[in-house]
Amino acid sequence: MTRDAGAPPTWPIAASGDHATAVGLFSAIVMALYRRERTGKGSAVTTSLLAEGVWAASVCIAGALAEATFYPLHDRQNPANAVLNPYKASNGSWFMLVVTPDKFTALAKAIGRPDLITDPHFSDTAKQAANAAQLRAILDDAFAKEPIQHWGEDRPERFGESRTLSCSTGAGGRDRCAPTRL
């Protein structure tokens, strides 16, 4: 199960196993129809929620069976990479920051901290990793100053080509954010 370090396990998204099972069953039906079309012979198809769950988690299961060493649990306060971490906007909305090394300059400018570009603590990815907790605190402070809509605005002068989040406030004041390109 996924969770942050020090937090209890959380429930997976509802029906995630049902979705994988439905896709597997759909595939089986399509292949049976294809076989009937090609050979004239019918097929029986079945599926199993347990088997589909094992398939969906097969990378972790295979690793465990091979006695692999897994990455430690994510720790938001002390991340391995501060620019790949969840952050909270001033209106309480959470979002996931994903910034590649070539976009760090755009990020620093976007949060109003161009000084980070030349700060020796963050001058390259190795130093950003070594000082990830400090950078996380800086980013926490910056993102907490504005609502999610501010961070999702389409403003190339602030975000350049690195912005991929579009946000709006929907019915009942709920925030809706969606990627603009994947």
N, C-alpha and C. Protein backbone atom coordinates (compact mmCIF):
# COMPACT_ATOMS: atom_id res chain seq x y z
N MET A 1 0.84 -1.18 0.00
CA MET A 1 0.00 0.00 0.00
C MET A 1 0.88 1.24 0.00
N THR A 2 0.35 2.30 -0.50
CA THR A 2 1.13 3.53 -0.59
C THR A 2 0.72 4.48 0.53
N ARG A 3 1.71 5.16 1.04
CA ARG A 3 1.47 6.14 2.11
C ARG A 3 2.77 6.90 2.34
N ASP A 4 2.67 7.97 3.08
CA ASP A 4 3.87 8.69 3.49
C ASP A 4 4.47 8.00 4.71
N ALA A 5 5.75 8.17 4.92
CA ALA A 5 6.41 7.62 6.09
C ALA A 5 5.72 8.13 7.35
N GLY A 6 5.50 7.25 8.30
CA GLY A 6 4.87 7.63 9.56
C GLY A 6 3.36 7.68 9.51
N ALA A 7 2.77 7.50 8.34
CA ALA A 7 1.31 7.53 8.20
C ALA A 7 0.80 6.09 8.04
N PRO A 8 -0.44 5.86 8.45
CA PRO A 8 -0.98 4.51 8.26
C PRO A 8 -1.26 4.24 6.78
N PRO A 9 -1.33 2.95 6.40
CA PRO A 9 -1.69 2.64 5.02
C PRO A 9 -3.05 3.26 4.68
N THR A 10 -3.25 3.52 3.41
CA THR A 10 -4.50 4.10 2.97
C THR A 10 -5.22 3.14 2.05
N TRP A 11 -6.52 3.34 1.89
CA TRP A 11 -7.29 2.51 0.97
C TRP A 11 -6.95 2.89 -0.45
N PRO A 12 -6.93 1.92 -1.34
CA PRO A 12 -6.74 2.27 -2.76
C PRO A 12 -8.01 2.93 -3.29
N ILE A 13 -7.93 3.48 -4.46
CA ILE A 13 -9.09 4.10 -5.09
C ILE A 13 -10.15 3.02 -5.29
N ALA A 14 -11.40 3.36 -4.99
CA ALA A 14 -12.49 2.41 -5.11
C ALA A 14 -12.59 1.88 -6.54
N ALA A 15 -12.83 0.61 -6.66
CA ALA A 15 -13.07 -0.09 -7.92
C ALA A 15 -11.84 -0.18 -8.81
N SER A 16 -10.65 0.09 -8.28
CA SER A 16 -9.47 -0.02 -9.13
C SER A 16 -9.26 -1.46 -9.58
N GLY A 17 -9.56 -2.43 -8.75
CA GLY A 17 -9.49 -3.83 -9.16
C GLY A 17 -10.59 -4.18 -10.15
N ASP A 18 -11.76 -3.61 -9.95
CA ASP A 18 -12.87 -3.85 -10.87
C ASP A 18 -12.53 -3.34 -12.26
N HIS A 19 -11.88 -2.20 -12.32
CA HIS A 19 -11.51 -1.62 -13.62
C HIS A 19 -10.53 -2.52 -14.36
N ALA A 20 -9.50 -2.98 -13.68
CA ALA A 20 -8.52 -3.87 -14.30
C ALA A 20 -9.18 -5.17 -14.74
N THR A 21 -10.09 -5.68 -13.91
CA THR A 21 -10.79 -6.91 -14.26
C THR A 21 -11.67 -6.71 -15.48
N ALA A 22 -12.35 -5.58 -15.56
CA ALA A 22 -13.20 -5.29 -16.72
C ALA A 22 -12.37 -5.20 -18.00
N VAL A 23 -11.22 -4.57 -17.92
CA VAL A 23 -10.35 -4.48 -19.10
C VAL A 23 -9.86 -5.88 -19.51
N GLY A 24 -9.50 -6.70 -18.53
CA GLY A 24 -9.08 -8.06 -18.83
C GLY A 24 -10.20 -8.88 -19.45
N LEU A 25 -11.41 -8.75 -18.92
CA LEU A 25 -12.54 -9.49 -19.46
C LEU A 25 -12.90 -9.00 -20.86
N PHE A 26 -12.87 -7.69 -21.06
CA PHE A 26 -13.11 -7.13 -22.39
C PHE A 26 -12.11 -7.71 -23.39
N SER A 27 -10.84 -7.74 -23.02
CA SER A 27 -9.81 -8.29 -23.91
C SER A 27 -10.08 -9.75 -24.23
N ALA A 28 -10.49 -10.52 -23.22
CA ALA A 28 -10.78 -11.94 -23.44
C ALA A 28 -11.95 -12.11 -24.40
N ILE A 29 -12.99 -11.30 -24.23
CA ILE A 29 -14.16 -11.39 -25.12
C ILE A 29 -13.77 -11.03 -26.55
N VAL A 30 -13.01 -9.96 -26.72
CA VAL A 30 -12.59 -9.55 -28.07
C VAL A 30 -11.75 -10.64 -28.72
N MET A 31 -10.85 -11.25 -27.97
CA MET A 31 -10.02 -12.32 -28.54
C MET A 31 -10.87 -13.54 -28.88
N ALA A 32 -11.89 -13.84 -28.06
CA ALA A 32 -12.77 -14.97 -28.37
C ALA A 32 -13.57 -14.68 -29.64
N LEU A 33 -14.04 -13.46 -29.79
CA LEU A 33 -14.76 -13.09 -31.01
C LEU A 33 -13.84 -13.16 -32.23
N TYR A 34 -12.63 -12.73 -32.07
CA TYR A 34 -11.65 -12.79 -33.16
C TYR A 34 -11.40 -14.25 -33.55
N ARG A 35 -11.24 -15.10 -32.54
CA ARG A 35 -11.02 -16.53 -32.82
C ARG A 35 -12.21 -17.11 -33.56
N ARG A 36 -13.42 -16.77 -33.12
CA ARG A 36 -14.62 -17.28 -33.79
C ARG A 36 -14.67 -16.80 -35.24
N GLU A 37 -14.31 -15.53 -35.44
CA GLU A 37 -14.30 -14.97 -36.79
C GLU A 37 -13.30 -15.71 -37.68
N ARG A 38 -12.14 -16.03 -37.15
CA ARG A 38 -11.07 -16.66 -37.94
C ARG A 38 -11.24 -18.17 -38.10
N THR A 39 -11.73 -18.83 -37.03
CA THR A 39 -11.76 -20.30 -37.07
C THR A 39 -13.16 -20.89 -37.06
N GLY A 40 -14.15 -20.10 -36.71
CA GLY A 40 -15.51 -20.62 -36.58
C GLY A 40 -15.75 -21.32 -35.25
N LYS A 41 -14.75 -21.40 -34.40
CA LYS A 41 -14.86 -22.07 -33.10
C LYS A 41 -15.08 -21.04 -32.00
N GLY A 42 -15.97 -21.34 -31.10
CA GLY A 42 -16.24 -20.47 -29.96
C GLY A 42 -15.22 -20.68 -28.85
N SER A 43 -15.26 -19.81 -27.86
CA SER A 43 -14.36 -19.90 -26.71
C SER A 43 -15.11 -19.57 -25.44
N ALA A 44 -14.69 -20.16 -24.37
CA ALA A 44 -15.19 -19.79 -23.05
C ALA A 44 -14.19 -18.80 -22.45
N VAL A 45 -14.68 -17.73 -21.86
CA VAL A 45 -13.79 -16.75 -21.24
C VAL A 45 -14.15 -16.60 -19.78
N THR A 46 -13.14 -16.41 -18.96
CA THR A 46 -13.33 -16.18 -17.53
C THR A 46 -12.31 -15.16 -17.08
N THR A 47 -12.52 -14.66 -15.91
CA THR A 47 -11.54 -13.78 -15.28
C THR A 47 -11.68 -13.93 -13.78
N SER A 48 -10.77 -13.33 -13.07
CA SER A 48 -10.76 -13.41 -11.61
C SER A 48 -10.29 -12.08 -11.06
N LEU A 49 -11.05 -11.54 -10.13
CA LEU A 49 -10.65 -10.28 -9.50
C LEU A 49 -9.30 -10.44 -8.81
N LEU A 50 -9.07 -11.57 -8.16
CA LEU A 50 -7.79 -11.82 -7.50
C LEU A 50 -6.66 -11.89 -8.52
N ALA A 51 -6.87 -12.64 -9.61
CA ALA A 51 -5.82 -12.76 -10.63
C ALA A 51 -5.50 -11.40 -11.25
N GLU A 52 -6.52 -10.61 -11.52
CA GLU A 52 -6.29 -9.28 -12.09
C GLU A 52 -5.55 -8.39 -11.10
N GLY A 53 -5.87 -8.53 -9.81
CA GLY A 53 -5.15 -7.76 -8.79
C GLY A 53 -3.69 -8.14 -8.73
N VAL A 54 -3.42 -9.44 -8.83
CA VAL A 54 -2.03 -9.90 -8.84
C VAL A 54 -1.31 -9.36 -10.07
N TRP A 55 -1.99 -9.38 -11.23
CA TRP A 55 -1.38 -8.83 -12.44
C TRP A 55 -1.08 -7.34 -12.26
N ALA A 56 -2.04 -6.58 -11.70
CA ALA A 56 -1.86 -5.13 -11.54
C ALA A 56 -0.70 -4.82 -10.61
N ALA A 57 -0.46 -5.68 -9.63
CA ALA A 57 0.63 -5.45 -8.68
C ALA A 57 1.83 -6.35 -8.97
N SER A 58 1.91 -6.87 -10.18
CA SER A 58 2.92 -7.88 -10.48
C SER A 58 4.36 -7.40 -10.33
N VAL A 59 4.63 -6.15 -10.59
CA VAL A 59 6.01 -5.66 -10.44
C VAL A 59 6.42 -5.75 -8.97
N CYS A 60 5.56 -5.30 -8.08
CA CYS A 60 5.88 -5.37 -6.64
C CYS A 60 5.92 -6.81 -6.15
N ILE A 61 4.99 -7.62 -6.62
CA ILE A 61 4.95 -9.02 -6.20
C ILE A 61 6.19 -9.76 -6.67
N ALA A 62 6.56 -9.58 -7.94
CA ALA A 62 7.77 -10.24 -8.45
C ALA A 62 9.00 -9.77 -7.68
N GLY A 63 9.06 -8.49 -7.38
CA GLY A 63 10.19 -7.97 -6.60
C GLY A 63 10.25 -8.60 -5.23
N ALA A 64 9.10 -8.71 -4.57
CA ALA A 64 9.06 -9.31 -3.24
C ALA A 64 9.48 -10.77 -3.29
N LEU A 65 9.01 -11.49 -4.30
CA LEU A 65 9.38 -12.90 -4.44
C LEU A 65 10.87 -13.07 -4.71
N ALA A 66 11.49 -12.08 -5.33
CA ALA A 66 12.93 -12.12 -5.60
C ALA A 66 13.74 -11.46 -4.48
N GLU A 67 13.07 -11.16 -3.37
CA GLU A 67 13.69 -10.54 -2.20
C GLU A 67 14.36 -9.21 -2.54
N ALA A 68 13.68 -8.42 -3.37
CA ALA A 68 14.20 -7.11 -3.77
C ALA A 68 14.19 -6.14 -2.59
N THR A 69 15.02 -5.14 -2.69
CA THR A 69 15.01 -4.05 -1.73
C THR A 69 14.22 -2.92 -2.36
N PHE A 70 13.13 -2.52 -1.71
CA PHE A 70 12.26 -1.49 -2.25
C PHE A 70 12.68 -0.11 -1.73
N TYR A 71 12.28 0.90 -2.47
CA TYR A 71 12.52 2.26 -2.00
C TYR A 71 11.81 2.45 -0.68
N PRO A 72 12.33 3.31 0.19
CA PRO A 72 11.61 3.58 1.44
C PRO A 72 10.33 4.34 1.16
N LEU A 73 9.44 4.38 2.14
CA LEU A 73 8.20 5.13 1.99
C LEU A 73 8.52 6.60 1.72
N HIS A 74 7.66 7.24 0.97
CA HIS A 74 7.84 8.66 0.70
C HIS A 74 7.67 9.46 1.99
N ASP A 75 8.49 10.45 2.18
CA ASP A 75 8.40 11.33 3.34
C ASP A 75 8.30 12.75 2.81
N ARG A 76 7.10 13.32 2.83
CA ARG A 76 6.88 14.64 2.26
C ARG A 76 7.75 15.71 2.89
N GLN A 77 8.01 15.59 4.17
CA GLN A 77 8.81 16.59 4.87
C GLN A 77 10.30 16.48 4.54
N ASN A 78 10.74 15.29 4.22
CA ASN A 78 12.14 15.03 3.88
C ASN A 78 12.21 14.22 2.60
N PRO A 79 11.79 14.80 1.49
CA PRO A 79 11.73 14.03 0.24
C PRO A 79 13.11 13.79 -0.35
N ALA A 80 13.22 12.76 -1.15
CA ALA A 80 14.46 12.52 -1.88
C ALA A 80 14.65 13.59 -2.94
N ASN A 81 13.53 14.13 -3.44
CA ASN A 81 13.54 15.14 -4.48
C ASN A 81 12.42 16.14 -4.19
N ALA A 82 12.77 17.34 -3.81
CA ALA A 82 11.77 18.34 -3.42
C ALA A 82 10.93 18.83 -4.59
N VAL A 83 11.42 18.67 -5.81
CA VAL A 83 10.64 19.13 -6.96
C VAL A 83 9.81 18.00 -7.56
N LEU A 84 9.69 16.90 -6.83
CA LEU A 84 8.79 15.80 -7.14
C LEU A 84 8.12 15.44 -5.82
N ASN A 85 7.13 16.26 -5.45
CA ASN A 85 6.58 16.19 -4.11
C ASN A 85 5.21 16.87 -4.10
N PRO A 86 4.30 16.46 -3.22
CA PRO A 86 3.02 17.17 -3.11
C PRO A 86 3.18 18.46 -2.30
N TYR A 87 2.41 19.47 -2.70
CA TYR A 87 2.42 20.77 -2.01
C TYR A 87 0.99 21.26 -1.84
N LYS A 88 0.81 22.15 -0.87
CA LYS A 88 -0.52 22.66 -0.53
C LYS A 88 -0.59 24.15 -0.83
N ALA A 89 -1.62 24.54 -1.58
CA ALA A 89 -1.84 25.95 -1.91
C ALA A 89 -2.57 26.63 -0.74
N SER A 90 -2.68 27.94 -0.81
CA SER A 90 -3.27 28.69 0.31
C SER A 90 -4.73 28.35 0.57
N ASN A 91 -5.45 27.87 -0.44
CA ASN A 91 -6.86 27.52 -0.23
C ASN A 91 -7.05 26.08 0.24
N GLY A 92 -5.95 25.40 0.58
CA GLY A 92 -6.04 24.05 1.11
C GLY A 92 -5.99 22.95 0.06
N SER A 93 -5.92 23.31 -1.20
CA SER A 93 -5.84 22.32 -2.27
C SER A 93 -4.42 21.77 -2.38
N TRP A 94 -4.32 20.46 -2.54
CA TRP A 94 -3.03 19.81 -2.72
C TRP A 94 -2.77 19.60 -4.21
N PHE A 95 -1.53 19.65 -4.61
CA PHE A 95 -1.15 19.35 -5.99
C PHE A 95 0.22 18.70 -5.97
N MET A 96 0.51 17.99 -7.05
CA MET A 96 1.79 17.30 -7.18
C MET A 96 2.70 18.13 -8.06
N LEU A 97 3.84 18.51 -7.55
CA LEU A 97 4.84 19.24 -8.31
C LEU A 97 5.77 18.23 -8.97
N VAL A 98 5.94 18.37 -10.27
CA VAL A 98 6.86 17.51 -11.03
C VAL A 98 7.67 18.44 -11.93
N VAL A 99 8.92 18.68 -11.57
CA VAL A 99 9.77 19.61 -12.31
C VAL A 99 11.04 18.88 -12.72
N THR A 100 11.31 18.86 -14.00
CA THR A 100 12.55 18.26 -14.50
C THR A 100 13.70 19.24 -14.29
N PRO A 101 14.92 18.76 -14.23
CA PRO A 101 16.06 19.65 -13.95
C PRO A 101 16.15 20.86 -14.88
N ASP A 102 15.79 20.69 -16.13
CA ASP A 102 15.89 21.81 -17.07
C ASP A 102 14.83 22.89 -16.82
N LYS A 103 13.86 22.61 -15.95
CA LYS A 103 12.80 23.59 -15.66
C LYS A 103 12.95 24.22 -14.27
N PHE A 104 14.05 23.93 -13.57
CA PHE A 104 14.22 24.49 -12.24
C PHE A 104 14.28 26.02 -12.27
N THR A 105 14.92 26.58 -13.28
CA THR A 105 14.99 28.04 -13.41
C THR A 105 13.59 28.63 -13.54
N ALA A 106 12.74 28.01 -14.36
CA ALA A 106 11.36 28.49 -14.53
C ALA A 106 10.60 28.39 -13.21
N LEU A 107 10.82 27.31 -12.46
CA LEU A 107 10.16 27.16 -11.16
C LEU A 107 10.59 28.26 -10.21
N ALA A 108 11.89 28.49 -10.11
CA ALA A 108 12.41 29.51 -9.19
C ALA A 108 11.80 30.88 -9.51
N LYS A 109 11.73 31.21 -10.79
CA LYS A 109 11.14 32.48 -11.19
C LYS A 109 9.64 32.50 -10.92
N ALA A 110 8.95 31.38 -11.16
CA ALA A 110 7.50 31.30 -10.98
C ALA A 110 7.09 31.54 -9.53
N ILE A 111 7.91 31.09 -8.58
CA ILE A 111 7.55 31.27 -7.17
C ILE A 111 8.13 32.57 -6.61
N GLY A 112 8.72 33.39 -7.47
CA GLY A 112 9.27 34.66 -7.02
C GLY A 112 10.59 34.53 -6.27
N ARG A 113 11.32 33.46 -6.54
CA ARG A 113 12.60 33.23 -5.86
C ARG A 113 13.71 32.98 -6.87
N PRO A 114 14.01 33.96 -7.74
CA PRO A 114 15.09 33.76 -8.70
C PRO A 114 16.45 33.56 -8.04
N ASP A 115 16.57 33.95 -6.77
CA ASP A 115 17.83 33.74 -6.04
C ASP A 115 18.19 32.27 -5.90
N LEU A 116 17.19 31.38 -6.00
CA LEU A 116 17.47 29.94 -5.88
C LEU A 116 18.33 29.42 -7.03
N ILE A 117 18.25 30.10 -8.16
CA ILE A 117 19.01 29.67 -9.35
C ILE A 117 20.51 29.70 -9.08
N THR A 118 20.95 30.71 -8.34
CA THR A 118 22.39 30.86 -8.07
C THR A 118 22.77 30.42 -6.65
N ASP A 119 21.79 30.01 -5.85
CA ASP A 119 22.07 29.56 -4.49
C ASP A 119 22.92 28.28 -4.56
N PRO A 120 24.09 28.27 -3.92
CA PRO A 120 24.97 27.08 -4.01
C PRO A 120 24.33 25.80 -3.46
N HIS A 121 23.30 25.93 -2.64
CA HIS A 121 22.62 24.74 -2.12
C HIS A 121 21.79 24.03 -3.18
N PHE A 122 21.41 24.76 -4.24
CA PHE A 122 20.48 24.22 -5.24
C PHE A 122 21.00 24.36 -6.66
N SER A 123 22.30 24.55 -6.83
CA SER A 123 22.87 24.86 -8.14
C SER A 123 22.88 23.69 -9.12
N ASP A 124 22.69 22.47 -8.64
CA ASP A 124 22.56 21.31 -9.54
C ASP A 124 21.70 20.27 -8.84
N THR A 125 21.33 19.22 -9.56
CA THR A 125 20.40 18.24 -9.00
C THR A 125 20.98 17.49 -7.79
N ALA A 126 22.27 17.26 -7.78
CA ALA A 126 22.88 16.58 -6.63
C ALA A 126 22.76 17.45 -5.38
N LYS A 127 22.98 18.74 -5.53
CA LYS A 127 22.88 19.65 -4.38
C LYS A 127 21.42 19.84 -3.96
N GLN A 128 20.51 19.84 -4.94
CA GLN A 128 19.08 19.91 -4.62
C GLN A 128 18.67 18.68 -3.80
N ALA A 129 19.18 17.51 -4.18
CA ALA A 129 18.87 16.29 -3.44
C ALA A 129 19.46 16.33 -2.04
N ALA A 130 20.69 16.80 -1.91
CA ALA A 130 21.35 16.87 -0.61
C ALA A 130 20.64 17.86 0.33
N ASN A 131 20.00 18.87 -0.26
CA ASN A 131 19.32 19.90 0.52
C ASN A 131 17.81 19.89 0.27
N ALA A 132 17.28 18.70 0.01
CA ALA A 132 15.86 18.57 -0.37
C ALA A 132 14.91 19.07 0.71
N ALA A 133 15.20 18.80 1.97
CA ALA A 133 14.30 19.24 3.04
C ALA A 133 14.25 20.77 3.10
N GLN A 134 15.39 21.41 2.91
CA GLN A 134 15.44 22.87 2.91
C GLN A 134 14.67 23.43 1.70
N LEU A 135 14.86 22.83 0.55
CA LEU A 135 14.14 23.27 -0.65
C LEU A 135 12.65 23.03 -0.49
N ARG A 136 12.28 21.90 0.10
CA ARG A 136 10.86 21.61 0.35
C ARG A 136 10.23 22.70 1.21
N ALA A 137 10.93 23.14 2.25
CA ALA A 137 10.41 24.20 3.12
C ALA A 137 10.22 25.51 2.35
N ILE A 138 11.16 25.83 1.48
CA ILE A 138 11.05 27.04 0.65
C ILE A 138 9.84 26.93 -0.27
N LEU A 139 9.67 25.77 -0.90
CA LEU A 139 8.54 25.57 -1.80
C LEU A 139 7.22 25.56 -1.04
N ASP A 140 7.20 24.94 0.14
CA ASP A 140 5.99 24.97 0.98
C ASP A 140 5.56 26.41 1.24
N ASP A 141 6.52 27.23 1.66
CA ASP A 141 6.21 28.64 1.95
C ASP A 141 5.70 29.36 0.72
N ALA A 142 6.34 29.14 -0.40
CA ALA A 142 5.95 29.84 -1.63
C ALA A 142 4.55 29.43 -2.09
N PHE A 143 4.29 28.13 -2.14
CA PHE A 143 3.01 27.66 -2.65
C PHE A 143 1.87 27.98 -1.69
N ALA A 144 2.16 28.11 -0.40
CA ALA A 144 1.12 28.42 0.59
C ALA A 144 0.64 29.87 0.50
N LYS A 145 1.30 30.69 -0.29
CA LYS A 145 0.92 32.10 -0.38
C LYS A 145 -0.21 32.38 -1.38
N GLU A 146 -0.48 31.43 -2.27
CA GLU A 146 -1.48 31.66 -3.33
C GLU A 146 -2.40 30.45 -3.44
N PRO A 147 -3.65 30.66 -3.90
CA PRO A 147 -4.57 29.54 -4.11
C PRO A 147 -4.16 28.72 -5.34
N ILE A 148 -4.74 27.55 -5.46
CA ILE A 148 -4.38 26.64 -6.55
C ILE A 148 -4.61 27.29 -7.92
N GLN A 149 -5.61 28.14 -8.04
CA GLN A 149 -5.88 28.78 -9.32
C GLN A 149 -4.69 29.62 -9.78
N HIS A 150 -4.01 30.25 -8.85
CA HIS A 150 -2.84 31.06 -9.18
C HIS A 150 -1.75 30.20 -9.82
N TRP A 151 -1.53 29.03 -9.23
CA TRP A 151 -0.46 28.17 -9.73
C TRP A 151 -0.83 27.49 -11.03
N GLY A 152 -2.12 27.42 -11.33
CA GLY A 152 -2.55 26.78 -12.55
C GLY A 152 -2.82 27.72 -13.70
N GLU A 153 -2.71 29.03 -13.47
CA GLU A 153 -2.99 29.99 -14.53
C GLU A 153 -2.07 29.79 -15.73
N ASP A 154 -2.61 30.04 -16.89
CA ASP A 154 -1.84 29.91 -18.13
C ASP A 154 -1.09 31.22 -18.36
N ARG A 155 0.09 31.31 -17.78
CA ARG A 155 0.91 32.52 -17.90
C ARG A 155 2.31 32.12 -18.31
N PRO A 156 2.56 32.05 -19.62
CA PRO A 156 3.88 31.61 -20.10
C PRO A 156 5.04 32.43 -19.56
N GLU A 157 4.79 33.71 -19.28
CA GLU A 157 5.90 34.52 -18.76
C GLU A 157 6.33 34.05 -17.38
N ARG A 158 5.45 33.36 -16.67
CA ARG A 158 5.79 32.87 -15.35
C ARG A 158 6.25 31.42 -15.41
N PHE A 159 5.55 30.59 -16.17
CA PHE A 159 5.83 29.17 -16.17
C PHE A 159 6.54 28.66 -17.41
N GLY A 160 6.62 29.43 -18.46
CA GLY A 160 7.22 28.94 -19.69
C GLY A 160 6.45 27.74 -20.19
N GLU A 161 7.14 26.78 -20.77
CA GLU A 161 6.50 25.58 -21.29
C GLU A 161 6.33 24.51 -20.23
N SER A 162 6.72 24.78 -18.98
CA SER A 162 6.68 23.74 -17.96
C SER A 162 5.32 23.57 -17.31
N ARG A 163 4.40 24.51 -17.52
CA ARG A 163 3.10 24.41 -16.86
C ARG A 163 2.25 23.35 -17.54
N THR A 164 1.70 22.46 -16.75
CA THR A 164 0.84 21.43 -17.31
C THR A 164 -0.44 21.30 -16.51
N LEU A 165 -0.75 22.25 -15.64
CA LEU A 165 -1.92 22.14 -14.78
C LEU A 165 -2.87 23.29 -15.07
N SER A 166 -4.12 22.98 -15.26
CA SER A 166 -5.15 23.98 -15.49
C SER A 166 -6.16 23.84 -14.36
N CYS A 167 -6.47 24.94 -13.68
CA CYS A 167 -7.36 24.88 -12.53
C CYS A 167 -8.53 25.84 -12.69
N SER A 168 -9.67 25.46 -12.11
CA SER A 168 -10.83 26.35 -12.06
C SER A 168 -11.63 25.99 -10.82
N THR A 169 -12.49 26.91 -10.40
CA THR A 169 -13.35 26.64 -9.26
C THR A 169 -14.71 26.27 -9.81
N GLY A 170 -15.18 25.09 -9.44
CA GLY A 170 -16.45 24.59 -9.94
C GLY A 170 -17.59 24.84 -8.97
N ALA A 171 -18.68 24.13 -9.18
CA ALA A 171 -19.87 24.26 -8.34
C ALA A 171 -19.51 24.00 -6.89
N GLY A 172 -20.08 24.76 -6.00
CA GLY A 172 -19.83 24.59 -4.58
C GLY A 172 -18.45 25.04 -4.15
N GLY A 173 -17.75 25.79 -5.01
CA GLY A 173 -16.43 26.30 -4.66
C GLY A 173 -15.33 25.26 -4.68
N ARG A 174 -15.60 24.10 -5.26
CA ARG A 174 -14.58 23.04 -5.31
C ARG A 174 -13.62 23.31 -6.44
N ASP A 175 -12.34 23.10 -6.15
CA ASP A 175 -11.31 23.28 -7.17
C ASP A 175 -11.30 22.10 -8.11
N ARG A 176 -11.12 22.40 -9.38
CA ARG A 176 -10.94 21.36 -10.38
C ARG A 176 -9.66 21.67 -11.13
N CYS A 177 -8.76 20.74 -11.14
CA CYS A 177 -7.51 20.92 -11.87
C CYS A 177 -7.31 19.73 -12.78
N ALA A 178 -6.82 20.02 -13.96
CA ALA A 178 -6.59 18.97 -14.95
C ALA A 178 -5.34 19.28 -15.74
N PRO A 179 -4.62 18.23 -16.13
CA PRO A 179 -3.45 18.47 -16.99
C PRO A 179 -3.89 18.99 -18.34
N THR A 180 -3.13 19.92 -18.88
CA THR A 180 -3.46 20.46 -20.19
C THR A 180 -2.81 19.67 -21.29
N ARG A 181 -1.78 18.93 -20.97
CA ARG A 181 -1.17 18.02 -21.95
C ARG A 181 -0.44 16.92 -21.19
N LEU A 182 -0.46 15.75 -21.76
CA LEU A 182 0.17 14.61 -21.08
C LEU A 182 1.34 14.11 -21.88
